[in-house]
N, C-alpha and C. Protein backbone atom coordinates (compact mmCIF):
# COMPACT_ATOMS: atom_id res chain seq x y z
N MET A 1 92.84 105.76 101.57
CA MET A 1 93.70 104.63 101.72
C MET A 1 93.38 103.81 102.86
N PRO A 2 93.81 102.66 102.92
CA PRO A 2 93.55 101.72 104.00
C PRO A 2 94.27 102.36 105.13
N ARG A 3 94.10 101.58 106.47
CA ARG A 3 94.69 102.03 107.70
C ARG A 3 96.17 102.15 107.28
N ALA A 4 96.92 103.04 107.96
CA ALA A 4 98.33 103.25 107.93
C ALA A 4 99.03 102.10 107.74
N GLY A 5 99.95 102.02 106.62
CA GLY A 5 100.88 100.96 106.61
C GLY A 5 100.04 99.71 105.72
N ARG A 6 98.83 99.89 105.26
CA ARG A 6 98.21 98.93 104.58
C ARG A 6 97.97 99.24 103.30
N ARG A 7 98.24 98.33 102.26
CA ARG A 7 97.86 98.70 100.85
C ARG A 7 96.59 98.03 100.70
N TRP A 8 95.86 98.25 99.66
CA TRP A 8 94.67 97.84 99.33
C TRP A 8 94.62 96.33 99.11
N ALA A 9 95.61 95.77 98.63
CA ALA A 9 95.82 94.33 98.56
C ALA A 9 96.00 93.52 99.78
N ASP A 10 96.47 94.35 100.92
CA ASP A 10 96.65 93.70 102.05
C ASP A 10 95.34 93.55 103.06
N VAL A 11 94.30 94.02 102.42
CA VAL A 11 93.01 93.83 103.19
C VAL A 11 92.44 92.51 102.73
N SER A 12 92.05 91.60 103.45
CA SER A 12 91.61 90.19 103.05
C SER A 12 90.39 90.14 102.19
N LYS A 13 89.43 90.95 102.65
CA LYS A 13 88.12 90.82 102.01
C LYS A 13 87.47 92.30 102.12
N PRO A 14 87.67 93.19 101.21
CA PRO A 14 87.22 94.55 101.18
C PRO A 14 85.92 94.47 100.25
N PHE A 15 84.79 95.36 100.61
CA PHE A 15 83.66 95.49 99.79
C PHE A 15 84.00 96.72 99.23
N VAL A 16 83.54 96.82 97.74
CA VAL A 16 83.78 98.08 97.14
C VAL A 16 82.57 98.65 96.57
N ASP A 17 82.43 99.91 97.21
CA ASP A 17 81.15 100.79 96.70
C ASP A 17 81.20 101.24 95.46
N THR A 18 79.99 101.65 94.81
CA THR A 18 79.91 102.06 93.48
C THR A 18 80.88 103.06 93.10
N ASN A 19 81.03 104.33 93.73
CA ASN A 19 81.72 105.24 93.37
C ASN A 19 83.28 104.89 93.01
N VAL A 20 83.73 104.07 93.82
CA VAL A 20 85.13 103.33 93.82
C VAL A 20 85.35 102.66 92.44
N ILE A 21 84.07 102.06 92.22
CA ILE A 21 84.30 101.32 90.76
C ILE A 21 84.23 102.33 89.61
N VAL A 22 83.46 103.41 89.71
CA VAL A 22 83.19 104.37 88.74
C VAL A 22 84.57 104.99 88.51
N TYR A 23 85.21 105.31 89.62
CA TYR A 23 86.50 105.88 89.43
C TYR A 23 87.79 104.89 89.20
N ALA A 24 87.36 103.77 88.62
CA ALA A 24 88.31 102.67 88.61
C ALA A 24 89.60 103.07 87.62
N ASN A 25 89.60 104.12 87.01
CA ASN A 25 90.79 104.62 86.26
C ASN A 25 91.94 104.98 87.19
N ASP A 26 91.49 105.18 88.59
CA ASP A 26 92.27 105.65 89.60
C ASP A 26 93.29 104.53 89.80
N PRO A 27 94.59 104.90 90.10
CA PRO A 27 95.53 103.71 90.30
C PRO A 27 95.34 102.83 91.35
N ARG A 28 94.56 103.28 92.46
CA ARG A 28 94.28 102.34 93.38
C ARG A 28 93.11 101.28 93.28
N ALA A 29 92.85 101.33 91.74
CA ALA A 29 91.80 100.13 91.26
C ALA A 29 92.38 98.96 91.35
N GLU A 30 93.51 98.55 92.00
CA GLU A 30 94.14 97.15 91.77
C GLU A 30 93.11 96.21 92.39
N LEU A 31 92.24 96.72 93.16
CA LEU A 31 91.23 95.51 93.77
C LEU A 31 90.42 94.92 92.65
N VAL A 32 90.11 95.80 91.38
CA VAL A 32 89.32 95.46 90.35
C VAL A 32 90.26 94.55 89.54
N HIS A 33 91.46 94.84 89.35
CA HIS A 33 92.43 94.18 88.50
C HIS A 33 92.70 92.96 88.96
N THR A 34 92.92 92.77 90.36
CA THR A 34 93.38 91.63 91.02
C THR A 34 92.15 90.63 91.41
N GLY A 35 90.99 91.23 91.34
CA GLY A 35 89.88 90.28 91.65
C GLY A 35 89.72 90.19 93.15
N GLY A 36 90.28 91.00 94.04
CA GLY A 36 90.54 90.85 95.29
C GLY A 36 89.20 91.48 96.16
N GLY A 37 88.33 92.16 95.50
CA GLY A 37 87.29 92.85 96.10
C GLY A 37 85.88 92.07 96.03
N VAL A 38 85.03 92.65 96.69
CA VAL A 38 83.55 92.06 96.87
C VAL A 38 82.70 93.29 96.38
N VAL A 39 81.73 92.86 95.56
CA VAL A 39 80.66 93.90 95.27
C VAL A 39 79.35 93.29 95.22
N SER A 40 78.19 93.84 95.21
CA SER A 40 76.88 93.30 95.07
C SER A 40 76.26 93.57 93.80
N THR A 41 75.16 92.85 93.41
CA THR A 41 74.50 93.16 92.18
C THR A 41 74.12 94.62 92.09
N HIS A 42 73.66 95.29 93.35
CA HIS A 42 73.25 96.49 93.51
C HIS A 42 74.19 97.39 93.01
N VAL A 43 75.69 97.31 93.45
CA VAL A 43 76.83 97.87 92.85
C VAL A 43 77.02 97.92 91.47
N LEU A 44 76.71 96.73 90.95
CA LEU A 44 76.89 96.32 89.42
C LEU A 44 75.70 97.19 88.68
N CYS A 45 74.59 97.30 89.27
CA CYS A 45 73.53 98.13 88.63
C CYS A 45 73.74 99.51 88.70
N GLU A 46 74.25 100.11 89.89
CA GLU A 46 74.52 101.55 90.15
C GLU A 46 75.66 101.93 89.27
N PHE A 47 76.80 101.09 89.10
CA PHE A 47 77.84 101.35 88.07
C PHE A 47 77.34 101.37 86.83
N SER A 48 76.70 100.42 86.36
CA SER A 48 76.06 100.39 84.99
C SER A 48 75.25 101.70 84.72
N SER A 49 74.48 102.10 85.45
CA SER A 49 73.47 103.32 85.28
C SER A 49 74.38 104.48 85.29
N ALA A 50 75.38 104.58 86.15
CA ALA A 50 76.28 105.90 86.20
C ALA A 50 77.11 105.90 84.77
N ALA A 51 77.56 104.72 84.31
CA ALA A 51 78.63 104.73 83.41
C ALA A 51 77.76 105.03 82.19
N LEU A 52 76.47 104.78 82.03
CA LEU A 52 75.64 104.87 80.76
C LEU A 52 75.16 106.26 80.75
N THR A 53 74.71 106.82 81.92
CA THR A 53 74.14 108.25 81.92
C THR A 53 75.10 109.36 82.37
N LYS A 54 75.81 109.19 83.56
CA LYS A 54 76.71 110.26 83.89
C LYS A 54 78.07 110.39 83.05
N LEU A 55 78.54 109.19 82.89
CA LEU A 55 79.74 109.22 81.94
C LEU A 55 79.67 108.87 80.56
N ARG A 56 78.33 108.70 80.17
CA ARG A 56 77.88 108.80 78.83
C ARG A 56 78.84 107.70 77.85
N GLN A 57 79.16 106.60 78.66
CA GLN A 57 79.86 105.64 77.98
C GLN A 57 79.09 104.78 77.05
N PRO A 58 79.76 104.46 75.86
CA PRO A 58 78.96 103.50 74.89
C PRO A 58 78.65 102.17 75.61
N VAL A 59 77.57 101.63 75.20
CA VAL A 59 77.03 100.28 75.65
C VAL A 59 78.06 99.36 75.67
N ASP A 60 78.96 98.95 74.53
CA ASP A 60 80.13 98.03 74.49
C ASP A 60 80.96 98.39 75.59
N GLU A 61 81.36 99.52 75.82
CA GLU A 61 82.31 99.78 76.93
C GLU A 61 81.93 99.60 78.24
N VAL A 62 80.62 99.81 78.60
CA VAL A 62 80.09 99.35 79.83
C VAL A 62 79.95 97.94 79.97
N LEU A 63 79.57 97.22 78.84
CA LEU A 63 79.59 95.83 78.89
C LEU A 63 80.88 95.24 79.31
N ARG A 64 82.01 95.70 78.76
CA ARG A 64 83.37 95.16 78.92
C ARG A 64 83.87 95.56 80.54
N HIS A 65 83.21 96.72 80.97
CA HIS A 65 83.60 96.96 82.41
C HIS A 65 82.94 95.98 83.35
N VAL A 66 81.58 95.72 83.09
CA VAL A 66 80.92 94.82 84.03
C VAL A 66 81.55 93.45 83.72
N ALA A 67 81.82 93.03 82.65
CA ALA A 67 82.44 91.81 82.43
C ALA A 67 83.51 91.74 83.39
N ALA A 68 84.55 92.71 83.36
CA ALA A 68 85.74 92.73 84.06
C ALA A 68 85.41 92.64 85.45
N LEU A 69 84.36 93.39 85.91
CA LEU A 69 84.00 93.25 87.29
C LEU A 69 83.53 91.87 87.91
N GLU A 70 83.33 90.90 87.03
CA GLU A 70 82.99 89.52 87.40
C GLU A 70 84.02 88.85 87.92
N ARG A 71 85.39 89.40 87.79
CA ARG A 71 86.45 89.02 88.61
C ARG A 71 86.20 88.97 90.13
N LEU A 72 85.44 89.89 90.59
CA LEU A 72 85.28 90.14 91.93
C LEU A 72 84.29 89.17 92.59
N THR A 73 84.17 89.13 93.83
CA THR A 73 83.28 88.39 94.38
C THR A 73 82.06 88.97 94.42
N ILE A 74 80.92 88.38 93.88
CA ILE A 74 79.52 89.18 93.79
C ILE A 74 78.71 88.67 94.75
N VAL A 75 77.86 89.47 95.54
CA VAL A 75 76.85 88.95 96.26
C VAL A 75 75.60 89.42 95.70
N VAL A 76 74.84 88.39 95.56
CA VAL A 76 73.45 88.64 95.02
C VAL A 76 72.51 89.04 96.19
N LEU A 77 71.89 90.10 95.88
CA LEU A 77 70.76 90.75 97.00
C LEU A 77 69.68 89.87 97.16
N THR A 78 69.48 89.29 98.38
CA THR A 78 68.43 88.45 98.71
C THR A 78 67.50 89.12 99.43
N PRO A 79 66.25 88.63 99.73
CA PRO A 79 65.26 89.20 100.63
C PRO A 79 66.02 89.27 102.12
N ALA A 80 66.88 88.30 102.47
CA ALA A 80 67.28 88.57 103.94
C ALA A 80 68.27 89.59 104.06
N ILE A 81 69.19 89.70 103.00
CA ILE A 81 70.06 90.89 102.86
C ILE A 81 69.60 92.49 102.82
N ILE A 82 68.25 92.37 102.02
CA ILE A 82 67.39 93.62 101.99
C ILE A 82 66.96 93.88 103.27
N LEU A 83 66.34 92.69 103.99
CA LEU A 83 65.79 92.99 105.39
C LEU A 83 66.81 93.66 106.22
N ARG A 84 68.01 92.99 106.26
CA ARG A 84 69.02 93.61 106.98
C ARG A 84 69.48 95.06 106.77
N GLY A 85 69.42 95.39 105.53
CA GLY A 85 69.55 96.63 104.95
C GLY A 85 68.67 97.52 105.51
N VAL A 86 67.44 97.13 105.57
CA VAL A 86 66.23 97.82 106.36
C VAL A 86 66.53 98.20 107.89
N GLU A 87 67.00 97.15 108.46
CA GLU A 87 67.49 97.19 109.87
C GLU A 87 68.65 98.29 110.14
N LEU A 88 69.64 98.12 109.22
CA LEU A 88 70.89 98.89 109.43
C LEU A 88 70.58 100.40 109.13
N SER A 89 69.60 100.55 107.96
CA SER A 89 69.17 101.96 107.81
C SER A 89 68.61 102.66 109.12
N GLY A 90 67.70 101.83 109.72
CA GLY A 90 67.21 102.43 110.83
C GLY A 90 68.21 102.54 112.00
N ILE A 91 69.12 101.57 112.28
CA ILE A 91 70.11 101.75 113.29
C ILE A 91 71.04 102.97 113.12
N TYR A 92 71.67 103.02 112.01
CA TYR A 92 72.49 104.11 111.73
C TYR A 92 72.08 105.35 111.17
N ARG A 93 70.72 105.42 110.74
CA ARG A 93 70.09 106.59 110.32
C ARG A 93 70.93 106.89 108.79
N ILE A 94 71.10 105.88 108.05
CA ILE A 94 71.54 106.09 106.71
C ILE A 94 70.75 105.73 105.64
N SER A 95 70.87 106.13 104.51
CA SER A 95 70.00 105.62 103.31
C SER A 95 69.83 104.11 103.19
N PHE A 96 68.70 103.73 102.86
CA PHE A 96 68.47 102.30 102.53
C PHE A 96 69.63 101.71 101.65
N TRP A 97 69.96 102.36 100.60
CA TRP A 97 70.78 101.86 99.70
C TRP A 97 72.23 101.71 100.23
N ASP A 98 72.70 102.70 101.07
CA ASP A 98 73.93 102.58 101.61
C ASP A 98 74.02 101.36 102.75
N ALA A 99 72.81 101.34 103.38
CA ALA A 99 72.63 100.16 104.28
C ALA A 99 72.61 98.88 103.52
N CYS A 100 72.22 98.77 102.33
CA CYS A 100 72.24 97.46 101.61
C CYS A 100 73.67 97.05 101.21
N ILE A 101 74.51 98.13 100.94
CA ILE A 101 75.89 97.83 100.78
C ILE A 101 76.59 97.35 101.91
N LEU A 102 76.15 97.75 103.15
CA LEU A 102 76.59 97.31 104.35
C LEU A 102 76.28 95.93 104.68
N ALA A 103 74.96 95.70 104.48
CA ALA A 103 74.13 94.35 104.71
C ALA A 103 75.02 93.31 103.76
N ALA A 104 75.31 93.53 102.58
CA ALA A 104 75.84 92.88 101.58
C ALA A 104 77.37 92.43 101.89
N ALA A 105 78.06 93.49 102.49
CA ALA A 105 79.57 93.45 102.92
C ALA A 105 79.57 92.44 104.34
N GLU A 106 78.53 92.69 105.13
CA GLU A 106 78.34 91.69 106.22
C GLU A 106 78.12 90.34 105.98
N PHE A 107 77.24 90.17 104.98
CA PHE A 107 76.89 88.74 104.51
C PHE A 107 78.09 88.26 103.87
N ALA A 108 78.94 89.03 103.19
CA ALA A 108 80.18 88.39 102.59
C ALA A 108 81.30 88.22 103.57
N GLU A 109 80.95 88.68 104.83
CA GLU A 109 82.14 88.53 105.91
C GLU A 109 83.32 89.32 105.43
N CYS A 110 83.12 90.55 105.04
CA CYS A 110 84.18 91.48 104.64
C CYS A 110 84.69 92.16 105.81
N ASP A 111 86.00 92.58 105.79
CA ASP A 111 86.74 93.23 106.93
C ASP A 111 86.79 94.69 106.61
N LEU A 112 86.32 95.27 105.76
CA LEU A 112 86.53 96.81 105.47
C LEU A 112 85.52 96.89 104.20
N VAL A 113 84.76 98.21 104.32
CA VAL A 113 84.27 98.74 103.03
C VAL A 113 84.87 100.00 102.63
N TYR A 114 85.20 100.06 101.38
CA TYR A 114 85.71 101.11 100.72
C TYR A 114 84.44 101.97 100.12
N SER A 115 84.23 103.22 100.55
CA SER A 115 83.14 104.18 100.17
C SER A 115 83.50 105.42 100.36
N GLU A 116 82.96 106.30 99.50
CA GLU A 116 82.86 107.70 99.81
C GLU A 116 81.65 108.34 100.28
N ASP A 117 80.60 107.56 100.21
CA ASP A 117 79.47 107.83 100.84
C ASP A 117 79.13 107.68 102.22
N LEU A 118 79.79 106.68 102.98
CA LEU A 118 79.58 106.55 104.34
C LEU A 118 80.67 107.15 105.14
N ASN A 119 80.37 107.32 106.30
CA ASN A 119 81.39 107.96 107.28
C ASN A 119 82.67 107.33 107.45
N PRO A 120 83.86 107.74 107.00
CA PRO A 120 85.12 107.16 106.97
C PRO A 120 85.40 106.87 108.42
N GLY A 121 85.93 105.66 108.92
CA GLY A 121 86.45 105.61 110.13
C GLY A 121 85.37 104.90 111.16
N GLN A 122 84.22 104.86 110.63
CA GLN A 122 83.07 104.61 111.63
C GLN A 122 82.80 103.14 111.17
N LEU A 123 82.57 102.36 112.41
CA LEU A 123 82.14 101.08 112.23
C LEU A 123 80.77 100.74 112.08
N TYR A 124 80.30 100.04 111.24
CA TYR A 124 79.01 99.94 110.85
C TYR A 124 78.82 98.29 110.90
N ALA A 125 77.98 97.79 111.84
CA ALA A 125 77.80 96.31 112.13
C ALA A 125 79.29 95.65 112.04
N GLY A 126 80.09 96.29 112.86
CA GLY A 126 81.52 95.93 113.08
C GLY A 126 82.51 95.87 112.04
N ILE A 127 81.96 96.60 110.86
CA ILE A 127 82.91 96.59 109.51
C ILE A 127 83.38 98.06 109.67
N PRO A 128 84.52 98.51 109.44
CA PRO A 128 85.24 99.73 109.32
C PRO A 128 84.99 100.32 107.89
N VAL A 129 84.66 101.60 107.70
CA VAL A 129 84.67 102.19 106.52
C VAL A 129 86.01 103.13 106.10
N VAL A 130 86.56 103.04 104.97
CA VAL A 130 87.45 103.61 104.66
C VAL A 130 87.25 104.43 103.32
N ASN A 131 87.35 105.75 103.08
CA ASN A 131 87.33 106.63 101.98
C ASN A 131 88.56 106.67 101.18
N PRO A 132 88.59 105.86 100.21
CA PRO A 132 89.88 105.57 99.47
C PRO A 132 90.39 106.97 98.76
N PHE A 133 89.43 107.93 98.77
CA PHE A 133 89.78 109.29 97.99
C PHE A 133 90.25 110.36 98.92
N THR A 134 90.41 110.10 100.14
CA THR A 134 90.94 111.18 101.04
C THR A 134 92.32 110.87 101.53
N SER A 135 93.11 111.79 101.73
CA SER A 135 94.38 111.48 102.28
C SER A 135 94.36 111.03 103.50
N ARG A 136 95.51 110.41 104.09
CA ARG A 136 95.43 109.80 105.30
C ARG A 136 95.33 110.81 106.48
């Protein structure tokens, strides 16, 4: 959950990592339903791949989910964001793909990243990470 006393909707501009989208049937998925979050094209691709292969969802269902995700702000990965991802990967010693998530969040001026892959509570490029699946 967000910092004590804050609801998901109280964060002005959170970036949402792929696994949060994959588990969108979780009651905390209000960001997806309200359009209050930010994702990147990378996250949409990862989600689509996971939904088709790991979750074995039918194509028409995945198409509906991706169309629903269009309510969110979508960051298109550019060469500049990718280069920043390379930099952040080296600075924080994290995977390139996780670093691209951070670079996209930084580009979109997000104030929080929801992710279960990055270290909760850590600041990356000044942006705190929260794992929405762990208890407070």
